[in-house]
Amino acid sequence: MFELGFSPVNSNLLIILHQGMLLFVPAAGFGYVLWYLAGKPYAPRSQTLLGFGLAGFALHALLLQSFVYLGLPLHKTAGGALIVAFVGFAHGMWSGWKQRSLIRRGLRREIFFYSLVFAVAFAGQAAGLLAVGPARFFGNGHYDQANYVVTADFLAEEPFATKLEDVGYRPWLVRALEAKELRITECVVLGAVAVTSGCDSQ
């Protein structure tokens, strides 16, 4: 719990918003980089923003996954990737601010409604998480808990080439070694958020 008079709900909300931003900024930042490198082929419309945002999210995950395959755990790469994403995001926001007079009112309305739909969906999914707090929240599916959380922590801390004989006194790695080939992309994203937010993958 935060000090300075924060209630548990407020502190939980701040943690969730913080981690939500750690998903949004890479998507927006790398999406803008893709759009910029492509020569800005499409006018800024809501569909363009959404499409390049999804592409940016995928590019961010692909880059981190490639580094994982090269033997670099996420704790060595996730911070640098976030800095690149933030630079792209900041440049995109600055460019949008300079050209704000050219952005039609309809686009602003579309962005508002897209954001509203996202916020409602996010709030609905986060209701249980807000109620008990991130530190005590567990998914109901124990199988998924083992797959995603353990594998994400493994990718964050250990080289991908780690083998069974390297486990030693860390039996939790056995499950991660079994799942790392099957669940890697989603676990890369989860592990990156954990690393950049200073939390574990739970």
N, C-alpha and C. Protein backbone atom coordinates (compact mmCIF):
# COMPACT_ATOMS: atom_id res chain seq x y z
N MET A 1 0.85 -1.20 0.00
CA MET A 1 0.00 0.00 0.00
C MET A 1 0.88 1.25 0.00
N PHE A 2 0.47 2.25 -0.74
CA PHE A 2 1.21 3.50 -0.75
C PHE A 2 1.02 4.23 0.58
N GLU A 3 2.01 5.04 0.93
CA GLU A 3 1.87 5.89 2.10
C GLU A 3 1.20 7.20 1.68
N LEU A 4 1.33 8.19 2.51
CA LEU A 4 0.76 9.52 2.25
C LEU A 4 -0.75 9.47 2.13
N GLY A 5 -1.40 8.53 2.83
CA GLY A 5 -2.86 8.55 2.91
C GLY A 5 -3.58 7.88 1.77
N PHE A 6 -2.90 7.16 0.90
CA PHE A 6 -3.59 6.47 -0.17
C PHE A 6 -4.38 5.29 0.39
N SER A 7 -5.62 5.13 -0.05
CA SER A 7 -6.40 3.96 0.33
C SER A 7 -5.95 2.78 -0.51
N PRO A 8 -6.26 1.52 -0.07
CA PRO A 8 -5.88 0.36 -0.87
C PRO A 8 -6.42 0.42 -2.29
N VAL A 9 -7.68 0.87 -2.45
CA VAL A 9 -8.27 0.92 -3.79
C VAL A 9 -7.51 1.90 -4.67
N ASN A 10 -7.17 3.07 -4.10
CA ASN A 10 -6.43 4.07 -4.87
C ASN A 10 -5.07 3.54 -5.30
N SER A 11 -4.36 2.90 -4.37
CA SER A 11 -3.03 2.38 -4.70
C SER A 11 -3.13 1.27 -5.74
N ASN A 12 -4.14 0.40 -5.62
CA ASN A 12 -4.35 -0.64 -6.61
C ASN A 12 -4.60 -0.04 -7.98
N LEU A 13 -5.44 0.99 -8.01
CA LEU A 13 -5.78 1.64 -9.28
C LEU A 13 -4.54 2.26 -9.91
N LEU A 14 -3.70 2.87 -9.10
CA LEU A 14 -2.47 3.48 -9.63
C LEU A 14 -1.55 2.42 -10.23
N ILE A 15 -1.42 1.28 -9.57
CA ILE A 15 -0.58 0.20 -10.09
C ILE A 15 -1.13 -0.31 -11.41
N ILE A 16 -2.45 -0.50 -11.48
CA ILE A 16 -3.08 -1.01 -12.70
C ILE A 16 -2.92 -0.01 -13.83
N LEU A 17 -3.14 1.28 -13.56
CA LEU A 17 -2.97 2.31 -14.59
C LEU A 17 -1.52 2.37 -15.05
N HIS A 18 -0.59 2.24 -14.12
CA HIS A 18 0.83 2.25 -14.45
C HIS A 18 1.16 1.11 -15.41
N GLN A 19 0.69 -0.09 -15.09
CA GLN A 19 0.98 -1.22 -15.95
C GLN A 19 0.22 -1.14 -17.27
N GLY A 20 -0.98 -0.55 -17.24
CA GLY A 20 -1.71 -0.32 -18.49
C GLY A 20 -0.94 0.61 -19.42
N MET A 21 -0.32 1.64 -18.84
CA MET A 21 0.50 2.55 -19.65
C MET A 21 1.73 1.84 -20.22
N LEU A 22 2.25 0.86 -19.48
CA LEU A 22 3.40 0.11 -19.96
C LEU A 22 3.03 -0.82 -21.12
N LEU A 23 1.76 -1.04 -21.35
CA LEU A 23 1.29 -1.74 -22.54
C LEU A 23 0.96 -0.75 -23.66
N PHE A 24 0.38 0.39 -23.27
CA PHE A 24 -0.06 1.36 -24.27
C PHE A 24 1.10 2.09 -24.94
N VAL A 25 2.07 2.54 -24.14
CA VAL A 25 3.17 3.34 -24.70
C VAL A 25 3.98 2.57 -25.74
N PRO A 26 4.38 1.29 -25.50
CA PRO A 26 5.07 0.57 -26.58
C PRO A 26 4.23 0.40 -27.84
N ALA A 27 2.94 0.14 -27.68
CA ALA A 27 2.08 0.00 -28.85
C ALA A 27 2.02 1.30 -29.64
N ALA A 28 1.79 2.41 -28.95
CA ALA A 28 1.70 3.70 -29.62
C ALA A 28 3.06 4.15 -30.15
N GLY A 29 4.11 3.98 -29.35
CA GLY A 29 5.44 4.45 -29.74
C GLY A 29 5.99 3.70 -30.94
N PHE A 30 5.97 2.36 -30.88
CA PHE A 30 6.47 1.57 -32.01
C PHE A 30 5.53 1.69 -33.20
N GLY A 31 4.22 1.87 -32.95
CA GLY A 31 3.29 2.10 -34.05
C GLY A 31 3.61 3.38 -34.80
N TYR A 32 3.94 4.44 -34.06
CA TYR A 32 4.31 5.70 -34.72
C TYR A 32 5.61 5.54 -35.49
N VAL A 33 6.58 4.81 -34.92
CA VAL A 33 7.84 4.57 -35.63
C VAL A 33 7.58 3.86 -36.95
N LEU A 34 6.72 2.84 -36.93
CA LEU A 34 6.38 2.12 -38.16
C LEU A 34 5.73 3.05 -39.18
N TRP A 35 4.79 3.86 -38.71
CA TRP A 35 4.08 4.79 -39.60
C TRP A 35 5.06 5.81 -40.19
N TYR A 36 5.98 6.29 -39.38
CA TYR A 36 6.97 7.27 -39.82
C TYR A 36 7.92 6.64 -40.84
N LEU A 37 8.43 5.44 -40.54
CA LEU A 37 9.37 4.77 -41.45
C LEU A 37 8.71 4.38 -42.76
N ALA A 38 7.40 4.14 -42.71
CA ALA A 38 6.67 3.80 -43.93
C ALA A 38 6.37 5.02 -44.78
N GLY A 39 6.83 6.18 -44.36
CA GLY A 39 6.61 7.40 -45.13
C GLY A 39 5.26 8.03 -44.88
N LYS A 40 4.65 7.73 -43.72
CA LYS A 40 3.32 8.27 -43.38
C LYS A 40 2.33 8.06 -44.52
N PRO A 41 2.11 6.79 -44.91
CA PRO A 41 1.33 6.52 -46.12
C PRO A 41 -0.15 6.84 -46.00
N TYR A 42 -0.68 6.92 -44.80
CA TYR A 42 -2.11 7.15 -44.63
C TYR A 42 -2.32 8.39 -43.78
N ALA A 43 -3.38 9.11 -44.10
CA ALA A 43 -3.75 10.27 -43.29
C ALA A 43 -4.14 9.78 -41.90
N PRO A 44 -3.89 10.60 -40.87
CA PRO A 44 -4.24 10.17 -39.51
C PRO A 44 -5.73 10.03 -39.31
N ARG A 45 -6.23 8.82 -39.47
CA ARG A 45 -7.63 8.50 -39.21
C ARG A 45 -7.67 7.51 -38.05
N SER A 46 -8.84 7.30 -37.49
CA SER A 46 -8.93 6.41 -36.34
C SER A 46 -8.50 4.99 -36.71
N GLN A 47 -8.87 4.53 -37.93
CA GLN A 47 -8.47 3.19 -38.35
C GLN A 47 -6.96 3.08 -38.51
N THR A 48 -6.34 4.15 -38.99
CA THR A 48 -4.88 4.17 -39.14
C THR A 48 -4.20 4.09 -37.78
N LEU A 49 -4.69 4.88 -36.83
CA LEU A 49 -4.11 4.88 -35.49
C LEU A 49 -4.25 3.51 -34.84
N LEU A 50 -5.43 2.91 -34.99
CA LEU A 50 -5.67 1.60 -34.39
C LEU A 50 -4.80 0.54 -35.05
N GLY A 51 -4.74 0.56 -36.38
CA GLY A 51 -3.95 -0.44 -37.11
C GLY A 51 -2.47 -0.36 -36.80
N PHE A 52 -1.92 0.83 -36.84
CA PHE A 52 -0.49 0.98 -36.55
C PHE A 52 -0.20 0.77 -35.07
N GLY A 53 -1.18 1.06 -34.21
CA GLY A 53 -1.00 0.75 -32.78
C GLY A 53 -0.88 -0.74 -32.54
N LEU A 54 -1.74 -1.52 -33.19
CA LEU A 54 -1.65 -2.98 -33.06
C LEU A 54 -0.35 -3.50 -33.67
N ALA A 55 0.06 -2.92 -34.80
CA ALA A 55 1.33 -3.32 -35.41
C ALA A 55 2.50 -2.96 -34.50
N GLY A 56 2.43 -1.82 -33.84
CA GLY A 56 3.48 -1.43 -32.91
C GLY A 56 3.56 -2.36 -31.71
N PHE A 57 2.41 -2.78 -31.22
CA PHE A 57 2.39 -3.75 -30.12
C PHE A 57 3.07 -5.05 -30.54
N ALA A 58 2.74 -5.51 -31.75
CA ALA A 58 3.33 -6.75 -32.26
C ALA A 58 4.84 -6.60 -32.48
N LEU A 59 5.27 -5.44 -33.01
CA LEU A 59 6.69 -5.22 -33.24
C LEU A 59 7.47 -5.21 -31.93
N HIS A 60 6.92 -4.55 -30.92
CA HIS A 60 7.56 -4.51 -29.61
C HIS A 60 7.76 -5.93 -29.07
N ALA A 61 6.71 -6.75 -29.13
CA ALA A 61 6.80 -8.13 -28.65
C ALA A 61 7.79 -8.94 -29.49
N LEU A 62 7.78 -8.72 -30.81
CA LEU A 62 8.68 -9.47 -31.69
C LEU A 62 10.14 -9.14 -31.43
N LEU A 63 10.44 -7.87 -31.21
CA LEU A 63 11.82 -7.47 -30.92
C LEU A 63 12.31 -8.09 -29.62
N LEU A 64 11.50 -8.00 -28.58
CA LEU A 64 11.90 -8.57 -27.30
C LEU A 64 12.04 -10.09 -27.40
N GLN A 65 11.14 -10.72 -28.14
CA GLN A 65 11.22 -12.17 -28.31
C GLN A 65 12.49 -12.56 -29.07
N SER A 66 12.86 -11.76 -30.06
CA SER A 66 14.10 -12.03 -30.81
C SER A 66 15.32 -11.94 -29.91
N PHE A 67 15.34 -10.94 -29.03
CA PHE A 67 16.45 -10.83 -28.09
C PHE A 67 16.48 -12.01 -27.11
N VAL A 68 15.29 -12.47 -26.71
CA VAL A 68 15.22 -13.65 -25.84
C VAL A 68 15.86 -14.85 -26.53
N TYR A 69 15.54 -15.05 -27.82
CA TYR A 69 16.13 -16.17 -28.56
C TYR A 69 17.66 -16.03 -28.66
N LEU A 70 18.14 -14.80 -28.64
CA LEU A 70 19.58 -14.56 -28.71
C LEU A 70 20.27 -14.72 -27.36
N GLY A 71 19.51 -15.08 -26.35
CA GLY A 71 20.09 -15.33 -25.03
C GLY A 71 20.07 -14.15 -24.09
N LEU A 72 19.32 -13.10 -24.43
CA LEU A 72 19.24 -11.91 -23.58
C LEU A 72 17.91 -11.91 -22.83
N PRO A 73 17.92 -12.15 -21.53
CA PRO A 73 16.66 -12.11 -20.77
C PRO A 73 16.03 -10.72 -20.81
N LEU A 74 14.77 -10.68 -20.49
CA LEU A 74 14.02 -9.42 -20.59
C LEU A 74 14.56 -8.34 -19.66
N HIS A 75 15.17 -8.72 -18.54
CA HIS A 75 15.65 -7.68 -17.63
C HIS A 75 16.81 -6.88 -18.26
N LYS A 76 17.37 -7.40 -19.36
CA LYS A 76 18.44 -6.67 -20.05
C LYS A 76 17.93 -5.86 -21.24
N THR A 77 16.72 -6.13 -21.71
CA THR A 77 16.25 -5.50 -22.95
C THR A 77 14.95 -4.71 -22.81
N ALA A 78 14.11 -5.07 -21.84
CA ALA A 78 12.79 -4.44 -21.76
C ALA A 78 12.89 -2.94 -21.49
N GLY A 79 13.83 -2.54 -20.65
CA GLY A 79 13.98 -1.11 -20.34
C GLY A 79 14.39 -0.30 -21.56
N GLY A 80 15.35 -0.81 -22.34
CA GLY A 80 15.77 -0.11 -23.55
C GLY A 80 14.65 -0.01 -24.57
N ALA A 81 13.89 -1.10 -24.72
CA ALA A 81 12.76 -1.08 -25.67
C ALA A 81 11.72 -0.06 -25.23
N LEU A 82 11.50 0.06 -23.92
CA LEU A 82 10.53 1.04 -23.43
C LEU A 82 11.01 2.46 -23.70
N ILE A 83 12.31 2.71 -23.58
CA ILE A 83 12.85 4.05 -23.87
C ILE A 83 12.63 4.40 -25.34
N VAL A 84 12.93 3.45 -26.24
CA VAL A 84 12.69 3.68 -27.67
C VAL A 84 11.22 3.96 -27.93
N ALA A 85 10.35 3.17 -27.29
CA ALA A 85 8.91 3.37 -27.47
C ALA A 85 8.47 4.73 -26.95
N PHE A 86 9.02 5.15 -25.82
CA PHE A 86 8.64 6.44 -25.25
C PHE A 86 9.09 7.59 -26.15
N VAL A 87 10.28 7.45 -26.74
CA VAL A 87 10.75 8.49 -27.67
C VAL A 87 9.80 8.58 -28.87
N GLY A 88 9.42 7.42 -29.42
CA GLY A 88 8.47 7.41 -30.53
C GLY A 88 7.14 8.00 -30.13
N PHE A 89 6.66 7.64 -28.95
CA PHE A 89 5.38 8.15 -28.46
C PHE A 89 5.44 9.66 -28.27
N ALA A 90 6.52 10.16 -27.67
CA ALA A 90 6.66 11.59 -27.43
C ALA A 90 6.75 12.36 -28.75
N HIS A 91 7.48 11.80 -29.72
CA HIS A 91 7.60 12.45 -31.02
C HIS A 91 6.24 12.50 -31.72
N GLY A 92 5.50 11.40 -31.61
CA GLY A 92 4.17 11.38 -32.21
C GLY A 92 3.23 12.39 -31.58
N MET A 93 3.28 12.50 -30.25
CA MET A 93 2.43 13.46 -29.56
C MET A 93 2.82 14.89 -29.93
N TRP A 94 4.13 15.14 -30.04
CA TRP A 94 4.60 16.48 -30.41
C TRP A 94 4.17 16.82 -31.83
N SER A 95 4.29 15.86 -32.74
CA SER A 95 3.87 16.10 -34.13
C SER A 95 2.36 16.36 -34.19
N GLY A 96 1.60 15.57 -33.43
CA GLY A 96 0.15 15.77 -33.41
C GLY A 96 -0.23 17.12 -32.84
N TRP A 97 0.50 17.57 -31.82
CA TRP A 97 0.22 18.87 -31.22
C TRP A 97 0.50 20.00 -32.20
N LYS A 98 1.61 19.89 -32.96
CA LYS A 98 1.95 20.93 -33.93
C LYS A 98 0.93 21.00 -35.06
N GLN A 99 0.32 19.86 -35.39
CA GLN A 99 -0.62 19.83 -36.50
C GLN A 99 -2.07 19.72 -36.01
N ARG A 100 -2.30 20.13 -34.78
CA ARG A 100 -3.63 19.95 -34.19
C ARG A 100 -4.71 20.69 -34.95
N SER A 101 -4.35 21.81 -35.58
CA SER A 101 -5.35 22.57 -36.33
C SER A 101 -5.79 21.85 -37.60
N LEU A 102 -4.96 20.91 -38.06
CA LEU A 102 -5.29 20.17 -39.27
C LEU A 102 -6.08 18.89 -38.99
N ILE A 103 -6.12 18.51 -37.72
CA ILE A 103 -6.84 17.29 -37.36
C ILE A 103 -8.32 17.60 -37.28
N ARG A 104 -9.08 16.91 -38.09
CA ARG A 104 -10.50 17.24 -38.17
C ARG A 104 -11.22 16.87 -36.86
N ARG A 105 -12.32 17.55 -36.63
CA ARG A 105 -13.07 17.33 -35.41
C ARG A 105 -13.62 15.90 -35.33
N GLY A 106 -13.96 15.33 -36.48
CA GLY A 106 -14.49 13.97 -36.48
C GLY A 106 -13.48 12.97 -35.96
N LEU A 107 -12.21 13.18 -36.30
CA LEU A 107 -11.17 12.27 -35.81
C LEU A 107 -11.07 12.35 -34.29
N ARG A 108 -11.14 13.55 -33.77
CA ARG A 108 -11.08 13.70 -32.32
C ARG A 108 -12.24 12.97 -31.66
N ARG A 109 -13.43 13.05 -32.27
CA ARG A 109 -14.59 12.35 -31.71
C ARG A 109 -14.39 10.83 -31.78
N GLU A 110 -13.85 10.35 -32.91
CA GLU A 110 -13.60 8.92 -33.05
C GLU A 110 -12.58 8.43 -32.02
N ILE A 111 -11.51 9.19 -31.82
CA ILE A 111 -10.49 8.81 -30.83
C ILE A 111 -11.12 8.77 -29.44
N PHE A 112 -11.98 9.73 -29.16
CA PHE A 112 -12.64 9.75 -27.85
C PHE A 112 -13.48 8.50 -27.64
N PHE A 113 -14.27 8.11 -28.65
CA PHE A 113 -15.13 6.94 -28.49
C PHE A 113 -14.33 5.64 -28.44
N TYR A 114 -13.25 5.54 -29.23
CA TYR A 114 -12.37 4.38 -29.12
C TYR A 114 -11.79 4.28 -27.71
N SER A 115 -11.34 5.41 -27.18
CA SER A 115 -10.77 5.44 -25.84
C SER A 115 -11.81 5.07 -24.79
N LEU A 116 -13.03 5.54 -24.99
CA LEU A 116 -14.10 5.24 -24.04
C LEU A 116 -14.41 3.75 -24.02
N VAL A 117 -14.51 3.14 -25.21
CA VAL A 117 -14.77 1.69 -25.28
C VAL A 117 -13.65 0.91 -24.60
N PHE A 118 -12.41 1.31 -24.87
CA PHE A 118 -11.27 0.64 -24.24
C PHE A 118 -11.34 0.79 -22.72
N ALA A 119 -11.65 1.99 -22.24
CA ALA A 119 -11.68 2.23 -20.80
C ALA A 119 -12.76 1.39 -20.13
N VAL A 120 -13.94 1.29 -20.76
CA VAL A 120 -15.03 0.50 -20.19
C VAL A 120 -14.64 -0.98 -20.14
N ALA A 121 -14.06 -1.48 -21.25
CA ALA A 121 -13.64 -2.89 -21.29
C ALA A 121 -12.55 -3.16 -20.26
N PHE A 122 -11.60 -2.25 -20.15
CA PHE A 122 -10.50 -2.41 -19.20
C PHE A 122 -11.03 -2.40 -17.77
N ALA A 123 -11.96 -1.48 -17.48
CA ALA A 123 -12.51 -1.38 -16.13
C ALA A 123 -13.27 -2.65 -15.77
N GLY A 124 -14.02 -3.20 -16.73
CA GLY A 124 -14.76 -4.43 -16.47
C GLY A 124 -13.84 -5.60 -16.17
N GLN A 125 -12.76 -5.72 -16.93
CA GLN A 125 -11.80 -6.80 -16.71
C GLN A 125 -11.01 -6.62 -15.42
N ALA A 126 -10.83 -5.37 -15.02
CA ALA A 126 -9.98 -5.09 -13.85
C ALA A 126 -10.76 -5.05 -12.54
N ALA A 127 -12.07 -5.30 -12.59
CA ALA A 127 -12.88 -5.17 -11.36
C ALA A 127 -12.38 -6.09 -10.26
N GLY A 128 -12.15 -7.35 -10.58
CA GLY A 128 -11.66 -8.29 -9.57
C GLY A 128 -10.27 -7.93 -9.08
N LEU A 129 -9.44 -7.48 -10.00
CA LEU A 129 -8.09 -7.07 -9.64
C LEU A 129 -8.10 -5.88 -8.70
N LEU A 130 -8.99 -4.93 -8.96
CA LEU A 130 -9.11 -3.77 -8.08
C LEU A 130 -9.60 -4.17 -6.69
N ALA A 131 -10.50 -5.15 -6.65
CA ALA A 131 -11.11 -5.53 -5.38
C ALA A 131 -10.11 -6.13 -4.41
N VAL A 132 -9.20 -6.98 -4.92
CA VAL A 132 -8.27 -7.66 -4.01
C VAL A 132 -6.87 -7.09 -4.05
N GLY A 133 -6.54 -6.32 -5.09
CA GLY A 133 -5.22 -5.72 -5.20
C GLY A 133 -4.26 -6.59 -5.98
N PRO A 134 -3.35 -5.96 -6.72
CA PRO A 134 -2.41 -6.71 -7.57
C PRO A 134 -1.56 -7.70 -6.79
N ALA A 135 -1.18 -7.39 -5.55
CA ALA A 135 -0.29 -8.26 -4.79
C ALA A 135 -0.96 -9.58 -4.42
N ARG A 136 -2.30 -9.62 -4.36
CA ARG A 136 -3.01 -10.82 -3.93
C ARG A 136 -3.84 -11.44 -5.05
N PHE A 137 -3.73 -10.90 -6.25
CA PHE A 137 -4.60 -11.37 -7.33
C PHE A 137 -4.01 -12.60 -8.01
N PHE A 138 -4.82 -13.62 -8.15
CA PHE A 138 -4.45 -14.82 -8.90
C PHE A 138 -5.57 -15.14 -9.87
N GLY A 139 -5.22 -15.62 -11.06
CA GLY A 139 -6.24 -16.12 -11.97
C GLY A 139 -6.84 -17.41 -11.42
N ASN A 140 -8.05 -17.72 -11.85
CA ASN A 140 -8.70 -18.93 -11.37
C ASN A 140 -8.11 -20.19 -12.00
N GLY A 141 -7.54 -20.07 -13.20
CA GLY A 141 -7.01 -21.24 -13.88
C GLY A 141 -5.59 -21.54 -13.41
N HIS A 142 -5.43 -22.55 -12.59
CA HIS A 142 -4.11 -22.86 -12.05
C HIS A 142 -3.14 -23.28 -13.17
N TYR A 143 -3.67 -23.92 -14.21
CA TYR A 143 -2.82 -24.33 -15.32
C TYR A 143 -2.21 -23.11 -16.01
N ASP A 144 -3.07 -22.11 -16.27
CA ASP A 144 -2.57 -20.88 -16.90
C ASP A 144 -1.64 -20.13 -15.96
N GLN A 145 -1.95 -20.16 -14.66
CA GLN A 145 -1.07 -19.49 -13.70
C GLN A 145 0.34 -20.06 -13.82
N ALA A 146 0.43 -21.37 -13.87
CA ALA A 146 1.74 -22.02 -13.99
C ALA A 146 2.39 -21.67 -15.32
N ASN A 147 1.63 -21.76 -16.40
CA ASN A 147 2.21 -21.52 -17.72
C ASN A 147 2.71 -20.09 -17.88
N TYR A 148 1.84 -19.13 -17.68
CA TYR A 148 2.15 -17.75 -18.02
C TYR A 148 3.07 -17.08 -17.01
N VAL A 149 2.73 -17.19 -15.74
CA VAL A 149 3.50 -16.49 -14.71
C VAL A 149 4.91 -17.05 -14.58
N VAL A 150 5.01 -18.37 -14.46
CA VAL A 150 6.32 -18.98 -14.29
C VAL A 150 7.19 -18.78 -15.53
N THR A 151 6.58 -18.94 -16.71
CA THR A 151 7.35 -18.78 -17.94
C THR A 151 7.78 -17.33 -18.14
N ALA A 152 6.90 -16.37 -17.80
CA ALA A 152 7.25 -14.96 -17.93
C ALA A 152 8.41 -14.60 -16.99
N ASP A 153 8.37 -15.10 -15.77
CA ASP A 153 9.47 -14.84 -14.84
C ASP A 153 10.76 -15.49 -15.33
N PHE A 154 10.65 -16.67 -15.92
CA PHE A 154 11.83 -17.34 -16.48
C PHE A 154 12.44 -16.50 -17.61
N LEU A 155 11.61 -16.02 -18.54
CA LEU A 155 12.11 -15.22 -19.66
C LEU A 155 12.68 -13.89 -19.19
N ALA A 156 12.18 -13.40 -18.07
CA ALA A 156 12.69 -12.13 -17.55
C ALA A 156 14.07 -12.27 -16.92
N GLU A 157 14.36 -13.44 -16.36
CA GLU A 157 15.57 -13.58 -15.55
C GLU A 157 16.63 -14.54 -16.11
N GLU A 158 16.22 -15.52 -16.91
CA GLU A 158 17.14 -16.58 -17.32
C GLU A 158 17.35 -16.59 -18.84
N PRO A 159 18.52 -17.04 -19.30
CA PRO A 159 18.72 -17.20 -20.74
C PRO A 159 17.79 -18.26 -21.31
N PHE A 160 17.33 -18.06 -22.54
CA PHE A 160 16.38 -18.98 -23.15
C PHE A 160 16.97 -20.38 -23.29
N ALA A 161 18.27 -20.48 -23.45
CA ALA A 161 18.93 -21.77 -23.68
C ALA A 161 19.11 -22.58 -22.40
N THR A 162 18.62 -22.09 -21.26
CA THR A 162 18.73 -22.83 -20.01
C THR A 162 18.16 -24.24 -20.18
N LYS A 163 18.87 -25.23 -19.66
CA LYS A 163 18.46 -26.63 -19.82
C LYS A 163 18.07 -27.23 -18.47
N LEU A 164 17.51 -28.41 -18.53
CA LEU A 164 17.02 -29.07 -17.32
C LEU A 164 18.14 -29.27 -16.31
N GLU A 165 19.34 -29.58 -16.79
CA GLU A 165 20.45 -29.80 -15.87
C GLU A 165 20.92 -28.52 -15.19
N ASP A 166 20.44 -27.36 -15.66
CA ASP A 166 20.80 -26.08 -15.04
C ASP A 166 19.85 -25.67 -13.92
N VAL A 167 18.79 -26.45 -13.71
CA VAL A 167 17.75 -26.07 -12.75
C VAL A 167 18.30 -25.98 -11.33
N GLY A 168 19.06 -26.97 -10.91
CA GLY A 168 19.62 -26.96 -9.56
C GLY A 168 18.54 -26.90 -8.50
N TYR A 169 18.66 -25.92 -7.58
CA TYR A 169 17.70 -25.77 -6.49
C TYR A 169 16.57 -24.80 -6.86
N ARG A 170 16.21 -24.77 -8.12
CA ARG A 170 15.12 -23.89 -8.59
C ARG A 170 14.08 -24.74 -9.31
N PRO A 171 13.34 -25.56 -8.60
CA PRO A 171 12.41 -26.48 -9.27
C PRO A 171 11.32 -25.79 -10.08
N TRP A 172 11.03 -24.53 -9.76
CA TRP A 172 10.01 -23.82 -10.52
C TRP A 172 10.40 -23.67 -11.99
N LEU A 173 11.69 -23.77 -12.30
CA LEU A 173 12.13 -23.63 -13.69
C LEU A 173 11.69 -24.79 -14.57
N VAL A 174 11.42 -25.95 -13.96
CA VAL A 174 11.06 -27.12 -14.76
C VAL A 174 9.81 -26.84 -15.59
N ARG A 175 8.81 -26.25 -14.96
CA ARG A 175 7.56 -25.94 -15.68
C ARG A 175 7.83 -24.92 -16.79
N ALA A 176 8.66 -23.94 -16.53
CA ALA A 176 8.97 -22.92 -17.53
C ALA A 176 9.71 -23.52 -18.71
N LEU A 177 10.61 -24.45 -18.46
CA LEU A 177 11.35 -25.08 -19.55
C LEU A 177 10.44 -25.90 -20.45
N GLU A 178 9.37 -26.44 -19.87
CA GLU A 178 8.40 -27.20 -20.67
C GLU A 178 7.52 -26.27 -21.50
N ALA A 179 7.21 -25.10 -20.97
CA ALA A 179 6.23 -24.21 -21.62
C ALA A 179 6.86 -23.13 -22.49
N LYS A 180 8.16 -22.91 -22.42
CA LYS A 180 8.77 -21.75 -23.06
C LYS A 180 8.61 -21.74 -24.57
N GLU A 181 8.54 -22.90 -25.21
CA GLU A 181 8.38 -22.94 -26.66
C GLU A 181 6.93 -22.71 -27.09
N LEU A 182 6.00 -22.97 -26.19
CA LEU A 182 4.58 -22.95 -26.55
C LEU A 182 3.90 -21.63 -26.21
N ARG A 183 4.36 -20.94 -25.18
CA ARG A 183 3.66 -19.77 -24.67
C ARG A 183 4.53 -18.53 -24.70
N ILE A 184 5.45 -18.44 -25.64
CA ILE A 184 6.51 -17.45 -25.48
C ILE A 184 6.05 -16.02 -25.73
N THR A 185 5.28 -15.76 -26.78
CA THR A 185 4.99 -14.36 -27.11
C THR A 185 4.20 -13.66 -26.01
N GLU A 186 3.12 -14.28 -25.54
CA GLU A 186 2.35 -13.64 -24.48
C GLU A 186 3.15 -13.53 -23.19
N CYS A 187 4.05 -14.50 -22.96
CA CYS A 187 4.88 -14.45 -21.76
C CYS A 187 5.97 -13.38 -21.88
N VAL A 188 6.42 -13.12 -23.09
CA VAL A 188 7.37 -12.03 -23.31
C VAL A 188 6.73 -10.70 -22.93
N VAL A 189 5.50 -10.47 -23.38
CA VAL A 189 4.80 -9.22 -23.06
C VAL A 189 4.58 -9.11 -21.55
N LEU A 190 4.10 -10.19 -20.93
CA LEU A 190 3.87 -10.18 -19.49
C LEU A 190 5.17 -9.95 -18.73
N GLY A 191 6.24 -10.62 -19.14
CA GLY A 191 7.52 -10.45 -18.47
C GLY A 191 8.07 -9.04 -18.63
N ALA A 192 7.88 -8.44 -19.81
CA ALA A 192 8.37 -7.08 -20.04
C ALA A 192 7.65 -6.08 -19.15
N VAL A 193 6.33 -6.23 -19.00
CA VAL A 193 5.59 -5.35 -18.11
C VAL A 193 6.06 -5.53 -16.67
N ALA A 194 6.30 -6.78 -16.28
CA ALA A 194 6.78 -7.04 -14.92
C ALA A 194 8.13 -6.37 -14.68
N VAL A 195 9.04 -6.52 -15.63
CA VAL A 195 10.38 -5.95 -15.47
C VAL A 195 10.32 -4.42 -15.39
N THR A 196 9.59 -3.80 -16.31
CA THR A 196 9.58 -2.34 -16.37
C THR A 196 8.74 -1.71 -15.26
N SER A 197 7.88 -2.49 -14.62
CA SER A 197 7.11 -1.95 -13.51
C SER A 197 7.70 -2.32 -12.16
N GLY A 198 8.78 -3.09 -12.17
CA GLY A 198 9.43 -3.47 -10.93
C GLY A 198 8.66 -4.49 -10.11
N CYS A 199 7.80 -5.29 -10.77
CA CYS A 199 7.01 -6.31 -10.08
C CYS A 199 7.41 -7.69 -10.61
N ASP A 200 6.86 -8.73 -9.97
CA ASP A 200 7.01 -10.04 -10.59
C ASP A 200 5.83 -10.24 -11.54
N SER A 201 5.81 -11.36 -12.25
CA SER A 201 4.82 -11.55 -13.30
C SER A 201 3.45 -11.96 -12.79
N GLN A 202 3.32 -12.17 -11.49
CA GLN A 202 2.03 -12.54 -10.92
C GLN A 202 1.00 -11.44 -11.16
